[in-house]
Amino acid sequence: MGILDRIRSRARPAANPADIRAYFNRAAGDEEHYPSTIDPRIWHVKLVLEHLGDVPEGKVADVGCGKGRFARIVKERFPRARVVAMDLAEAMLRGAPADLERVAGSMTAIPLATESMDAAYATESLEHAVDIPRAVEELARIVKPGGRILIIDKDAEAWGRLETPQWERWFGRRELERLLARHCRRVWSQPISYWEDVPPDGLFLAWFAEK
């Protein structure tokens, strides 16, 4: 079974992109489950900042940003950087800070120019893309040669631990490594947890790439 077959075999029936957009526009009102902020001490946040490298005046894209909880921390760390916060749901974007460059769009057709970003990351957003290989290709497309990409998402081996929308997909570690390797010169991954001093429990993985 090839990579695309394995991804599809774990997927529930695909939803219409308009249905996904409507779902997250409604969910924007749920601050408990879709918060505007995140504790900067969480390992996910530290990994984003560390992998971005030194981008004091660079351009960074948060793809599938929700209310911009990661992007606001990136902007605080690099106040002169151009931080693009992109999401499918306009209601989510309205919750993002005004000093971010807020852009509505799909992960499978990111409305940013080719090789215009120094780095891009997607935290728990790739799982909602309708076409995973296309979304990974788009992440790589917008990043300059030598730029960095980070994906944080859930491990397919943990599928079933959480209730999910019908379209959501989780990923095998090697599956996303192979997809990233189509476009990037260096790719690696590791299991992670929410807290750096807590051993990973198998739910989250982080994939790193350099184009």
N, C-alpha and C. Protein backbone atom coordinates (compact mmCIF):
# COMPACT_ATOMS: atom_id res chain seq x y z
N MET A 1 0.85 -1.20 0.00
CA MET A 1 0.00 0.00 0.00
C MET A 1 0.88 1.24 0.00
N GLY A 2 0.64 2.18 -0.92
CA GLY A 2 1.44 3.39 -1.01
C GLY A 2 1.02 4.41 0.01
N ILE A 3 1.79 5.53 0.03
CA ILE A 3 1.54 6.56 1.04
C ILE A 3 0.14 7.16 0.94
N LEU A 4 -0.31 7.44 -0.30
CA LEU A 4 -1.63 8.04 -0.43
C LEU A 4 -2.72 7.07 -0.02
N ASP A 5 -2.53 5.80 -0.33
CA ASP A 5 -3.52 4.79 0.07
C ASP A 5 -3.59 4.67 1.58
N ARG A 6 -2.42 4.74 2.25
CA ARG A 6 -2.43 4.63 3.71
C ARG A 6 -3.11 5.82 4.35
N ILE A 7 -2.88 7.02 3.78
CA ILE A 7 -3.55 8.20 4.32
C ILE A 7 -5.06 8.08 4.14
N ARG A 8 -5.47 7.66 2.94
CA ARG A 8 -6.91 7.57 2.67
C ARG A 8 -7.58 6.48 3.49
N SER A 9 -6.85 5.39 3.76
CA SER A 9 -7.45 4.27 4.49
C SER A 9 -7.82 4.65 5.91
N ARG A 10 -7.16 5.69 6.47
CA ARG A 10 -7.47 6.11 7.83
C ARG A 10 -8.46 7.26 7.86
N ALA A 11 -8.76 7.82 6.69
CA ALA A 11 -9.62 8.99 6.65
C ALA A 11 -11.08 8.60 6.65
N ARG A 12 -11.88 9.40 7.32
CA ARG A 12 -13.32 9.27 7.21
C ARG A 12 -13.75 9.92 5.89
N PRO A 13 -15.03 9.80 5.52
CA PRO A 13 -15.46 10.43 4.27
C PRO A 13 -15.13 11.92 4.25
N ALA A 14 -14.58 12.39 3.14
CA ALA A 14 -14.13 13.78 3.04
C ALA A 14 -15.33 14.72 3.08
N ALA A 15 -15.14 15.85 3.76
CA ALA A 15 -16.17 16.87 3.81
C ALA A 15 -15.92 17.90 2.71
N ASN A 16 -16.95 18.60 2.34
CA ASN A 16 -16.83 19.70 1.40
C ASN A 16 -16.06 20.83 2.09
N PRO A 17 -15.10 21.46 1.39
CA PRO A 17 -14.36 22.57 2.02
C PRO A 17 -15.27 23.65 2.60
N ALA A 18 -16.39 23.88 1.95
CA ALA A 18 -17.34 24.88 2.48
C ALA A 18 -17.89 24.45 3.82
N ASP A 19 -18.09 23.13 4.01
CA ASP A 19 -18.57 22.63 5.29
C ASP A 19 -17.51 22.80 6.38
N ILE A 20 -16.25 22.59 6.01
CA ILE A 20 -15.16 22.76 6.97
C ILE A 20 -15.06 24.22 7.38
N ARG A 21 -15.15 25.12 6.40
CA ARG A 21 -15.10 26.55 6.70
C ARG A 21 -16.25 26.94 7.63
N ALA A 22 -17.44 26.46 7.34
CA ALA A 22 -18.59 26.78 8.18
C ALA A 22 -18.41 26.23 9.60
N TYR A 23 -17.85 25.04 9.71
CA TYR A 23 -17.61 24.43 11.02
C TYR A 23 -16.71 25.33 11.87
N PHE A 24 -15.61 25.80 11.28
CA PHE A 24 -14.67 26.60 12.05
C PHE A 24 -15.15 28.04 12.25
N ASN A 25 -15.97 28.55 11.35
CA ASN A 25 -16.58 29.85 11.62
C ASN A 25 -17.51 29.78 12.83
N ARG A 26 -18.22 28.68 12.97
CA ARG A 26 -19.06 28.49 14.16
C ARG A 26 -18.18 28.28 15.40
N ALA A 27 -17.11 27.50 15.23
CA ALA A 27 -16.25 27.15 16.37
C ALA A 27 -15.49 28.36 16.91
N ALA A 28 -15.40 29.43 16.13
CA ALA A 28 -14.67 30.61 16.59
C ALA A 28 -15.25 31.19 17.88
N GLY A 29 -16.51 30.93 18.11
CA GLY A 29 -17.15 31.41 19.34
C GLY A 29 -16.86 30.56 20.56
N ASP A 30 -16.18 29.43 20.37
CA ASP A 30 -15.87 28.51 21.46
C ASP A 30 -14.45 28.76 21.95
N GLU A 31 -14.30 29.69 22.87
CA GLU A 31 -12.97 30.07 23.35
C GLU A 31 -12.34 28.96 24.18
N GLU A 32 -13.15 28.11 24.79
CA GLU A 32 -12.60 27.03 25.60
C GLU A 32 -11.81 26.03 24.76
N HIS A 33 -12.39 25.61 23.63
CA HIS A 33 -11.75 24.60 22.80
C HIS A 33 -10.91 25.21 21.66
N TYR A 34 -11.16 26.46 21.33
CA TYR A 34 -10.40 27.14 20.28
C TYR A 34 -9.93 28.49 20.84
N PRO A 35 -8.95 28.46 21.73
CA PRO A 35 -8.54 29.68 22.45
C PRO A 35 -7.74 30.65 21.58
N SER A 36 -7.71 31.89 22.04
CA SER A 36 -6.97 32.94 21.35
C SER A 36 -5.51 32.99 21.77
N THR A 37 -5.20 32.39 22.90
CA THR A 37 -3.83 32.45 23.42
C THR A 37 -3.34 31.05 23.78
N ILE A 38 -2.03 30.94 23.95
CA ILE A 38 -1.43 29.68 24.37
C ILE A 38 -0.26 30.00 25.31
N ASP A 39 -0.05 29.15 26.26
CA ASP A 39 1.04 29.32 27.21
C ASP A 39 2.37 29.25 26.46
N PRO A 40 3.19 30.28 26.50
CA PRO A 40 4.45 30.27 25.74
C PRO A 40 5.45 29.24 26.24
N ARG A 41 5.18 28.64 27.41
CA ARG A 41 6.09 27.62 27.93
C ARG A 41 5.83 26.25 27.32
N ILE A 42 4.70 26.08 26.62
CA ILE A 42 4.38 24.79 26.01
C ILE A 42 5.42 24.44 24.95
N TRP A 43 5.80 23.19 24.92
CA TRP A 43 6.88 22.73 24.03
C TRP A 43 6.58 23.03 22.57
N HIS A 44 5.32 22.92 22.17
CA HIS A 44 4.95 23.22 20.79
C HIS A 44 5.39 24.63 20.42
N VAL A 45 5.17 25.57 21.30
CA VAL A 45 5.54 26.97 21.05
C VAL A 45 7.06 27.09 20.95
N LYS A 46 7.77 26.47 21.87
CA LYS A 46 9.23 26.53 21.87
C LYS A 46 9.80 25.94 20.58
N LEU A 47 9.21 24.86 20.11
CA LEU A 47 9.71 24.24 18.87
C LEU A 47 9.52 25.17 17.68
N VAL A 48 8.37 25.84 17.62
CA VAL A 48 8.14 26.79 16.53
C VAL A 48 9.21 27.87 16.55
N LEU A 49 9.43 28.48 17.70
CA LEU A 49 10.40 29.58 17.80
C LEU A 49 11.81 29.11 17.50
N GLU A 50 12.17 27.93 18.01
CA GLU A 50 13.52 27.42 17.79
C GLU A 50 13.76 27.09 16.32
N HIS A 51 12.77 26.48 15.69
CA HIS A 51 12.97 26.04 14.31
C HIS A 51 12.94 27.21 13.32
N LEU A 52 12.23 28.28 13.66
CA LEU A 52 12.22 29.44 12.78
C LEU A 52 13.61 30.01 12.60
N GLY A 53 14.42 29.88 13.63
CA GLY A 53 15.75 30.45 13.57
C GLY A 53 15.71 31.96 13.78
N ASP A 54 16.69 32.64 13.24
CA ASP A 54 16.83 34.08 13.43
C ASP A 54 16.13 34.81 12.29
N VAL A 55 14.91 35.27 12.53
CA VAL A 55 14.15 35.99 11.49
C VAL A 55 13.69 37.35 12.02
N PRO A 56 14.61 38.20 12.48
CA PRO A 56 14.22 39.47 13.11
C PRO A 56 13.41 40.37 12.19
N GLU A 57 13.69 40.33 10.89
CA GLU A 57 12.94 41.15 9.93
C GLU A 57 12.47 40.29 8.76
N GLY A 58 12.33 39.01 8.99
CA GLY A 58 11.94 38.09 7.94
C GLY A 58 10.44 37.98 7.78
N LYS A 59 10.04 37.00 7.00
CA LYS A 59 8.63 36.76 6.70
C LYS A 59 8.29 35.33 7.10
N VAL A 60 7.27 35.19 7.94
CA VAL A 60 6.88 33.89 8.49
C VAL A 60 5.39 33.69 8.29
N ALA A 61 4.99 32.49 7.88
CA ALA A 61 3.58 32.19 7.68
C ALA A 61 3.10 31.14 8.68
N ASP A 62 2.03 31.46 9.38
CA ASP A 62 1.32 30.51 10.24
C ASP A 62 0.13 30.02 9.42
N VAL A 63 0.21 28.80 8.93
CA VAL A 63 -0.77 28.27 7.98
C VAL A 63 -1.81 27.44 8.72
N GLY A 64 -3.05 27.92 8.72
CA GLY A 64 -4.09 27.32 9.53
C GLY A 64 -3.99 27.84 10.96
N CYS A 65 -3.93 29.15 11.08
CA CYS A 65 -3.55 29.79 12.34
C CYS A 65 -4.64 29.82 13.40
N GLY A 66 -5.91 29.55 13.01
CA GLY A 66 -6.98 29.74 13.98
C GLY A 66 -7.08 31.20 14.38
N LYS A 67 -7.06 31.47 15.68
CA LYS A 67 -7.12 32.85 16.17
C LYS A 67 -5.73 33.46 16.35
N GLY A 68 -4.73 32.80 15.80
CA GLY A 68 -3.39 33.37 15.81
C GLY A 68 -2.64 33.23 17.12
N ARG A 69 -2.95 32.17 17.88
CA ARG A 69 -2.33 32.06 19.21
C ARG A 69 -0.82 31.81 19.11
N PHE A 70 -0.36 31.06 18.13
CA PHE A 70 1.08 30.89 17.93
C PHE A 70 1.67 32.14 17.26
N ALA A 71 0.97 32.67 16.27
CA ALA A 71 1.49 33.80 15.51
C ALA A 71 1.70 35.02 16.40
N ARG A 72 0.86 35.23 17.39
CA ARG A 72 1.03 36.39 18.25
C ARG A 72 2.33 36.29 19.05
N ILE A 73 2.71 35.06 19.43
CA ILE A 73 3.96 34.88 20.16
C ILE A 73 5.16 35.07 19.24
N VAL A 74 5.05 34.58 18.00
CA VAL A 74 6.12 34.81 17.02
C VAL A 74 6.31 36.32 16.81
N LYS A 75 5.21 37.05 16.70
CA LYS A 75 5.29 38.50 16.50
C LYS A 75 5.90 39.19 17.71
N GLU A 76 5.58 38.72 18.90
CA GLU A 76 6.17 39.29 20.11
C GLU A 76 7.68 39.04 20.15
N ARG A 77 8.10 37.86 19.70
CA ARG A 77 9.52 37.52 19.69
C ARG A 77 10.27 38.31 18.61
N PHE A 78 9.62 38.48 17.45
CA PHE A 78 10.25 39.17 16.31
C PHE A 78 9.34 40.32 15.87
N PRO A 79 9.31 41.41 16.62
CA PRO A 79 8.34 42.48 16.36
C PRO A 79 8.49 43.14 14.99
N ARG A 80 9.67 43.09 14.38
CA ARG A 80 9.85 43.71 13.06
C ARG A 80 9.60 42.73 11.92
N ALA A 81 9.33 41.48 12.25
CA ALA A 81 9.07 40.48 11.21
C ALA A 81 7.67 40.66 10.63
N ARG A 82 7.50 40.21 9.41
CA ARG A 82 6.18 40.14 8.80
C ARG A 82 5.62 38.76 9.12
N VAL A 83 4.60 38.71 9.96
CA VAL A 83 4.00 37.44 10.36
C VAL A 83 2.62 37.34 9.71
N VAL A 84 2.49 36.40 8.79
CA VAL A 84 1.24 36.19 8.07
C VAL A 84 0.43 35.11 8.78
N ALA A 85 -0.77 35.46 9.19
CA ALA A 85 -1.67 34.51 9.84
C ALA A 85 -2.77 34.13 8.86
N MET A 86 -2.71 32.90 8.36
CA MET A 86 -3.67 32.46 7.35
C MET A 86 -4.59 31.39 7.91
N ASP A 87 -5.87 31.52 7.63
CA ASP A 87 -6.84 30.51 8.06
C ASP A 87 -7.99 30.45 7.08
N LEU A 88 -8.65 29.31 7.06
CA LEU A 88 -9.80 29.11 6.18
C LEU A 88 -11.02 29.89 6.66
N ALA A 89 -11.16 30.05 7.98
CA ALA A 89 -12.36 30.62 8.58
C ALA A 89 -12.16 32.10 8.92
N GLU A 90 -12.96 32.94 8.31
CA GLU A 90 -12.84 34.38 8.54
C GLU A 90 -13.13 34.74 10.00
N ALA A 91 -14.05 34.03 10.64
CA ALA A 91 -14.38 34.33 12.03
C ALA A 91 -13.20 34.04 12.95
N MET A 92 -12.42 33.00 12.64
CA MET A 92 -11.21 32.73 13.41
C MET A 92 -10.22 33.88 13.25
N LEU A 93 -10.04 34.35 12.02
CA LEU A 93 -9.08 35.42 11.77
C LEU A 93 -9.44 36.71 12.49
N ARG A 94 -10.72 36.96 12.68
CA ARG A 94 -11.12 38.17 13.40
C ARG A 94 -10.64 38.16 14.84
N GLY A 95 -10.34 36.97 15.36
CA GLY A 95 -9.81 36.87 16.72
C GLY A 95 -8.31 37.01 16.80
N ALA A 96 -7.63 37.11 15.66
CA ALA A 96 -6.17 37.24 15.63
C ALA A 96 -5.77 38.70 15.85
N PRO A 97 -4.62 38.94 16.47
CA PRO A 97 -4.17 40.32 16.71
C PRO A 97 -4.06 41.14 15.43
N ALA A 98 -4.32 42.42 15.54
CA ALA A 98 -4.33 43.31 14.39
C ALA A 98 -2.94 43.56 13.82
N ASP A 99 -1.88 43.31 14.62
CA ASP A 99 -0.53 43.55 14.09
C ASP A 99 -0.02 42.39 13.25
N LEU A 100 -0.84 41.35 13.09
CA LEU A 100 -0.51 40.27 12.17
C LEU A 100 -1.10 40.60 10.80
N GLU A 101 -0.51 40.03 9.77
CA GLU A 101 -1.08 40.16 8.43
C GLU A 101 -2.06 39.02 8.24
N ARG A 102 -3.34 39.32 8.40
CA ARG A 102 -4.37 38.27 8.39
C ARG A 102 -4.86 38.01 6.97
N VAL A 103 -4.83 36.73 6.59
CA VAL A 103 -5.17 36.33 5.23
C VAL A 103 -6.10 35.12 5.28
N ALA A 104 -7.21 35.20 4.58
CA ALA A 104 -8.13 34.06 4.48
C ALA A 104 -7.74 33.21 3.28
N GLY A 105 -7.68 31.88 3.49
CA GLY A 105 -7.33 31.01 2.38
C GLY A 105 -7.25 29.56 2.79
N SER A 106 -7.11 28.71 1.80
CA SER A 106 -7.06 27.26 2.00
C SER A 106 -5.62 26.77 2.01
N MET A 107 -5.36 25.72 2.78
CA MET A 107 -4.03 25.13 2.81
C MET A 107 -3.66 24.50 1.47
N THR A 108 -4.64 24.16 0.67
CA THR A 108 -4.36 23.55 -0.63
C THR A 108 -4.19 24.59 -1.74
N ALA A 109 -4.37 25.86 -1.41
CA ALA A 109 -4.15 26.95 -2.38
C ALA A 109 -3.79 28.20 -1.57
N ILE A 110 -2.63 28.18 -0.95
CA ILE A 110 -2.22 29.25 -0.05
C ILE A 110 -2.05 30.55 -0.85
N PRO A 111 -2.74 31.62 -0.46
CA PRO A 111 -2.71 32.87 -1.25
C PRO A 111 -1.47 33.72 -0.95
N LEU A 112 -0.30 33.10 -1.07
CA LEU A 112 0.97 33.80 -0.89
C LEU A 112 1.87 33.46 -2.07
N ALA A 113 2.75 34.37 -2.41
CA ALA A 113 3.61 34.19 -3.57
C ALA A 113 4.63 33.07 -3.35
N THR A 114 5.01 32.43 -4.42
CA THR A 114 6.04 31.38 -4.38
C THR A 114 7.35 31.94 -3.84
N GLU A 115 7.96 31.20 -2.91
CA GLU A 115 9.26 31.56 -2.32
C GLU A 115 9.25 32.96 -1.70
N SER A 116 8.13 33.33 -1.07
CA SER A 116 8.02 34.65 -0.47
C SER A 116 8.24 34.64 1.04
N MET A 117 8.29 33.45 1.66
CA MET A 117 8.42 33.34 3.10
C MET A 117 9.78 32.77 3.50
N ASP A 118 10.31 33.25 4.62
CA ASP A 118 11.54 32.67 5.16
C ASP A 118 11.26 31.39 5.92
N ALA A 119 10.03 31.25 6.41
CA ALA A 119 9.64 30.05 7.15
C ALA A 119 8.13 29.94 7.16
N ALA A 120 7.64 28.72 7.36
CA ALA A 120 6.20 28.47 7.48
C ALA A 120 5.99 27.32 8.44
N TYR A 121 4.91 27.39 9.18
CA TYR A 121 4.58 26.30 10.10
C TYR A 121 3.08 26.06 10.13
N ALA A 122 2.71 24.85 10.52
CA ALA A 122 1.31 24.45 10.62
C ALA A 122 1.15 23.63 11.89
N THR A 123 0.44 24.16 12.86
CA THR A 123 0.26 23.48 14.14
C THR A 123 -1.19 22.99 14.26
N GLU A 124 -1.36 21.68 14.21
CA GLU A 124 -2.67 21.03 14.30
C GLU A 124 -3.66 21.60 13.28
N SER A 125 -3.16 21.89 12.10
CA SER A 125 -4.04 22.38 11.03
C SER A 125 -4.00 21.50 9.80
N LEU A 126 -2.87 20.85 9.54
CA LEU A 126 -2.78 19.97 8.37
C LEU A 126 -3.84 18.87 8.44
N GLU A 127 -4.17 18.44 9.63
CA GLU A 127 -5.16 17.37 9.82
C GLU A 127 -6.52 17.72 9.23
N HIS A 128 -6.76 19.01 8.96
CA HIS A 128 -8.04 19.45 8.40
C HIS A 128 -8.00 19.72 6.90
N ALA A 129 -6.82 19.56 6.29
CA ALA A 129 -6.71 19.80 4.84
C ALA A 129 -7.37 18.66 4.07
N VAL A 130 -8.06 18.99 3.02
CA VAL A 130 -8.76 17.97 2.23
C VAL A 130 -7.78 17.12 1.44
N ASP A 131 -6.72 17.73 0.93
CA ASP A 131 -5.72 17.04 0.10
C ASP A 131 -4.36 17.23 0.78
N ILE A 132 -3.90 16.21 1.52
CA ILE A 132 -2.70 16.35 2.34
C ILE A 132 -1.44 16.57 1.48
N PRO A 133 -1.19 15.74 0.46
CA PRO A 133 0.00 15.99 -0.37
C PRO A 133 0.02 17.38 -0.98
N ARG A 134 -1.13 17.85 -1.44
CA ARG A 134 -1.21 19.19 -2.01
C ARG A 134 -0.91 20.26 -0.97
N ALA A 135 -1.42 20.09 0.25
CA ALA A 135 -1.18 21.07 1.31
C ALA A 135 0.31 21.13 1.68
N VAL A 136 0.97 19.97 1.74
CA VAL A 136 2.41 19.95 2.02
C VAL A 136 3.17 20.62 0.88
N GLU A 137 2.77 20.36 -0.35
CA GLU A 137 3.40 21.00 -1.50
C GLU A 137 3.27 22.52 -1.42
N GLU A 138 2.10 23.00 -1.01
CA GLU A 138 1.87 24.43 -0.89
C GLU A 138 2.72 25.04 0.22
N LEU A 139 2.84 24.36 1.34
CA LEU A 139 3.72 24.84 2.41
C LEU A 139 5.14 25.04 1.89
N ALA A 140 5.62 24.06 1.14
CA ALA A 140 6.97 24.15 0.60
C ALA A 140 7.07 25.22 -0.49
N ARG A 141 6.03 25.37 -1.27
CA ARG A 141 6.07 26.34 -2.37
C ARG A 141 6.31 27.76 -1.88
N ILE A 142 5.68 28.15 -0.79
CA ILE A 142 5.75 29.55 -0.36
C ILE A 142 7.06 29.88 0.36
N VAL A 143 7.86 28.85 0.70
CA VAL A 143 9.09 29.06 1.45
C VAL A 143 10.28 29.20 0.50
N LYS A 144 11.17 30.13 0.82
CA LYS A 144 12.37 30.34 0.01
C LYS A 144 13.33 29.16 0.13
N PRO A 145 14.17 28.92 -0.87
CA PRO A 145 15.24 27.93 -0.71
C PRO A 145 16.09 28.27 0.51
N GLY A 146 16.35 27.27 1.32
CA GLY A 146 17.06 27.48 2.57
C GLY A 146 16.14 27.78 3.73
N GLY A 147 14.85 28.04 3.46
CA GLY A 147 13.88 28.33 4.51
C GLY A 147 13.44 27.08 5.25
N ARG A 148 12.69 27.30 6.32
CA ARG A 148 12.33 26.19 7.21
C ARG A 148 10.83 26.00 7.30
N ILE A 149 10.45 24.74 7.51
CA ILE A 149 9.04 24.35 7.64
C ILE A 149 8.91 23.49 8.89
N LEU A 150 7.83 23.70 9.64
CA LEU A 150 7.53 22.87 10.80
C LEU A 150 6.05 22.50 10.77
N ILE A 151 5.78 21.21 10.96
CA ILE A 151 4.41 20.71 11.09
C ILE A 151 4.30 20.02 12.44
N ILE A 152 3.32 20.40 13.23
CA ILE A 152 3.01 19.69 14.47
C ILE A 152 1.60 19.16 14.35
N ASP A 153 1.44 17.86 14.50
CA ASP A 153 0.12 17.26 14.36
C ASP A 153 0.08 15.92 15.08
N LYS A 154 -1.03 15.23 14.93
CA LYS A 154 -1.27 14.03 15.72
C LYS A 154 -0.82 12.77 14.98
N ASP A 155 -0.37 11.81 15.75
CA ASP A 155 0.18 10.55 15.25
C ASP A 155 -0.95 9.59 14.91
N ALA A 156 -0.88 9.03 13.70
CA ALA A 156 -1.90 8.07 13.27
C ALA A 156 -1.99 6.86 14.20
N GLU A 157 -0.89 6.53 14.87
CA GLU A 157 -0.91 5.39 15.78
C GLU A 157 -1.81 5.63 16.98
N ALA A 158 -2.15 6.90 17.24
CA ALA A 158 -3.01 7.24 18.37
C ALA A 158 -4.46 7.49 17.94
N TRP A 159 -4.76 7.20 16.67
CA TRP A 159 -6.11 7.45 16.14
C TRP A 159 -7.17 6.80 17.04
N GLY A 160 -8.22 7.56 17.34
CA GLY A 160 -9.30 7.06 18.18
C GLY A 160 -9.25 7.58 19.60
N ARG A 161 -8.14 8.20 20.00
CA ARG A 161 -8.04 8.70 21.37
C ARG A 161 -8.89 9.94 21.61
N LEU A 162 -9.18 10.66 20.53
CA LEU A 162 -9.97 11.88 20.63
C LEU A 162 -11.13 11.82 19.65
N GLU A 163 -12.22 12.46 19.99
CA GLU A 163 -13.32 12.61 19.05
C GLU A 163 -12.93 13.66 18.01
N THR A 164 -13.17 13.36 16.75
CA THR A 164 -12.74 14.26 15.69
C THR A 164 -13.86 14.50 14.68
N PRO A 165 -13.81 15.61 13.93
CA PRO A 165 -14.74 15.81 12.81
C PRO A 165 -14.54 14.71 11.77
N GLN A 166 -15.52 14.53 10.92
CA GLN A 166 -15.51 13.40 10.00
C GLN A 166 -14.36 13.45 9.00
N TRP A 167 -13.87 14.64 8.70
CA TRP A 167 -12.82 14.78 7.69
C TRP A 167 -11.40 14.70 8.25
N GLU A 168 -11.24 14.79 9.55
CA GLU A 168 -9.91 14.93 10.14
C GLU A 168 -9.03 13.70 9.88
N ARG A 169 -7.75 13.93 9.62
CA ARG A 169 -6.78 12.85 9.34
C ARG A 169 -5.56 13.03 10.23
N TRP A 170 -5.03 11.92 10.72
CA TRP A 170 -3.79 11.93 11.48
C TRP A 170 -2.73 11.22 10.65
N PHE A 171 -1.46 11.35 11.02
CA PHE A 171 -0.39 10.97 10.11
C PHE A 171 0.64 10.03 10.73
N GLY A 172 1.14 9.13 9.89
CA GLY A 172 2.28 8.32 10.26
C GLY A 172 3.56 9.16 10.17
N ARG A 173 4.50 8.87 11.01
CA ARG A 173 5.73 9.65 11.07
C ARG A 173 6.45 9.66 9.73
N ARG A 174 6.62 8.48 9.12
CA ARG A 174 7.36 8.39 7.85
C ARG A 174 6.55 8.94 6.68
N GLU A 175 5.23 8.91 6.79
CA GLU A 175 4.39 9.40 5.69
C GLU A 175 4.66 10.88 5.41
N LEU A 176 4.62 11.69 6.44
CA LEU A 176 4.86 13.11 6.22
C LEU A 176 6.32 13.40 5.93
N GLU A 177 7.22 12.59 6.47
CA GLU A 177 8.63 12.76 6.11
C GLU A 177 8.80 12.60 4.61
N ARG A 178 8.16 11.59 4.04
CA ARG A 178 8.29 11.34 2.60
C ARG A 178 7.66 12.48 1.78
N LEU A 179 6.51 12.97 2.23
CA LEU A 179 5.87 14.06 1.50
C LEU A 179 6.74 15.32 1.54
N LEU A 180 7.30 15.63 2.69
CA LEU A 180 8.17 16.79 2.80
C LEU A 180 9.45 16.62 1.99
N ALA A 181 9.96 15.39 1.95
CA ALA A 181 11.21 15.12 1.24
C ALA A 181 11.07 15.33 -0.27
N ARG A 182 9.87 15.35 -0.78
CA ARG A 182 9.68 15.64 -2.20
C ARG A 182 10.09 17.07 -2.54
N HIS A 183 10.05 17.95 -1.54
CA HIS A 183 10.25 19.37 -1.79
C HIS A 183 11.40 19.98 -0.98
N CYS A 184 11.92 19.22 -0.01
CA CYS A 184 12.91 19.78 0.91
C CYS A 184 14.17 18.94 0.92
N ARG A 185 15.31 19.58 1.16
CA ARG A 185 16.59 18.88 1.11
C ARG A 185 16.89 18.14 2.40
N ARG A 186 16.27 18.55 3.51
CA ARG A 186 16.52 17.90 4.79
C ARG A 186 15.21 17.82 5.57
N VAL A 187 14.90 16.61 6.08
CA VAL A 187 13.65 16.37 6.79
C VAL A 187 13.91 15.45 7.97
N TRP A 188 13.29 15.74 9.10
CA TRP A 188 13.36 14.83 10.25
C TRP A 188 12.13 15.04 11.12
N SER A 189 11.92 14.15 12.08
CA SER A 189 10.74 14.22 12.93
C SER A 189 11.04 13.66 14.31
N GLN A 190 10.14 13.94 15.25
CA GLN A 190 10.29 13.41 16.59
C GLN A 190 8.95 13.43 17.32
N PRO A 191 8.72 12.49 18.25
CA PRO A 191 7.54 12.56 19.11
C PRO A 191 7.70 13.72 20.09
N ILE A 192 6.59 14.38 20.42
CA ILE A 192 6.63 15.46 21.40
C ILE A 192 5.43 15.37 22.32
N SER A 193 5.51 16.09 23.42
CA SER A 193 4.38 16.24 24.33
C SER A 193 4.10 17.73 24.47
N TYR A 194 3.14 18.09 25.33
CA TYR A 194 2.88 19.50 25.55
C TYR A 194 4.01 20.17 26.33
N TRP A 195 4.61 19.41 27.24
CA TRP A 195 5.63 19.99 28.11
C TRP A 195 6.96 19.29 27.87
N GLU A 196 8.01 20.07 27.76
CA GLU A 196 9.31 19.55 27.40
C GLU A 196 9.84 18.54 28.41
N ASP A 197 9.47 18.69 29.68
CA ASP A 197 9.97 17.78 30.72
C ASP A 197 9.06 16.60 30.97
N VAL A 198 8.04 16.41 30.12
CA VAL A 198 7.12 15.27 30.22
C VAL A 198 7.35 14.36 29.02
N PRO A 199 7.60 13.07 29.23
CA PRO A 199 7.83 12.17 28.09
C PRO A 199 6.64 12.16 27.13
N PRO A 200 6.87 12.13 25.83
CA PRO A 200 5.77 12.05 24.86
C PRO A 200 4.88 10.85 25.13
N ASP A 201 3.58 11.05 24.99
CA ASP A 201 2.62 9.97 25.26
C ASP A 201 2.08 9.34 23.99
N GLY A 202 2.67 9.70 22.83
CA GLY A 202 2.27 9.09 21.58
C GLY A 202 1.24 9.85 20.78
N LEU A 203 0.74 10.99 21.32
CA LEU A 203 -0.31 11.71 20.60
C LEU A 203 0.25 12.64 19.54
N PHE A 204 1.33 13.36 19.86
CA PHE A 204 1.83 14.40 18.95
C PHE A 204 3.18 14.04 18.34
N LEU A 205 3.34 14.48 17.09
CA LEU A 205 4.61 14.40 16.38
C LEU A 205 4.95 15.78 15.83
N ALA A 206 6.25 16.03 15.69
CA ALA A 206 6.71 17.25 15.04
C ALA A 206 7.59 16.86 13.86
N TRP A 207 7.30 17.46 12.71
CA TRP A 207 8.10 17.23 11.49
C TRP A 207 8.83 18.54 11.15
N PHE A 208 10.13 18.44 10.93
CA PHE A 208 10.98 19.59 10.63
C PHE A 208 11.53 19.42 9.22
N ALA A 209 11.67 20.54 8.52
CA ALA A 209 12.23 20.48 7.17
C ALA A 209 12.98 21.76 6.85
N GLU A 210 14.01 21.61 6.03
CA GLU A 210 14.74 22.74 5.46
C GLU A 210 14.69 22.59 3.95
N LYS A 211 14.23 23.63 3.30
CA LYS A 211 14.02 23.55 1.85
C LYS A 211 15.36 23.68 1.11
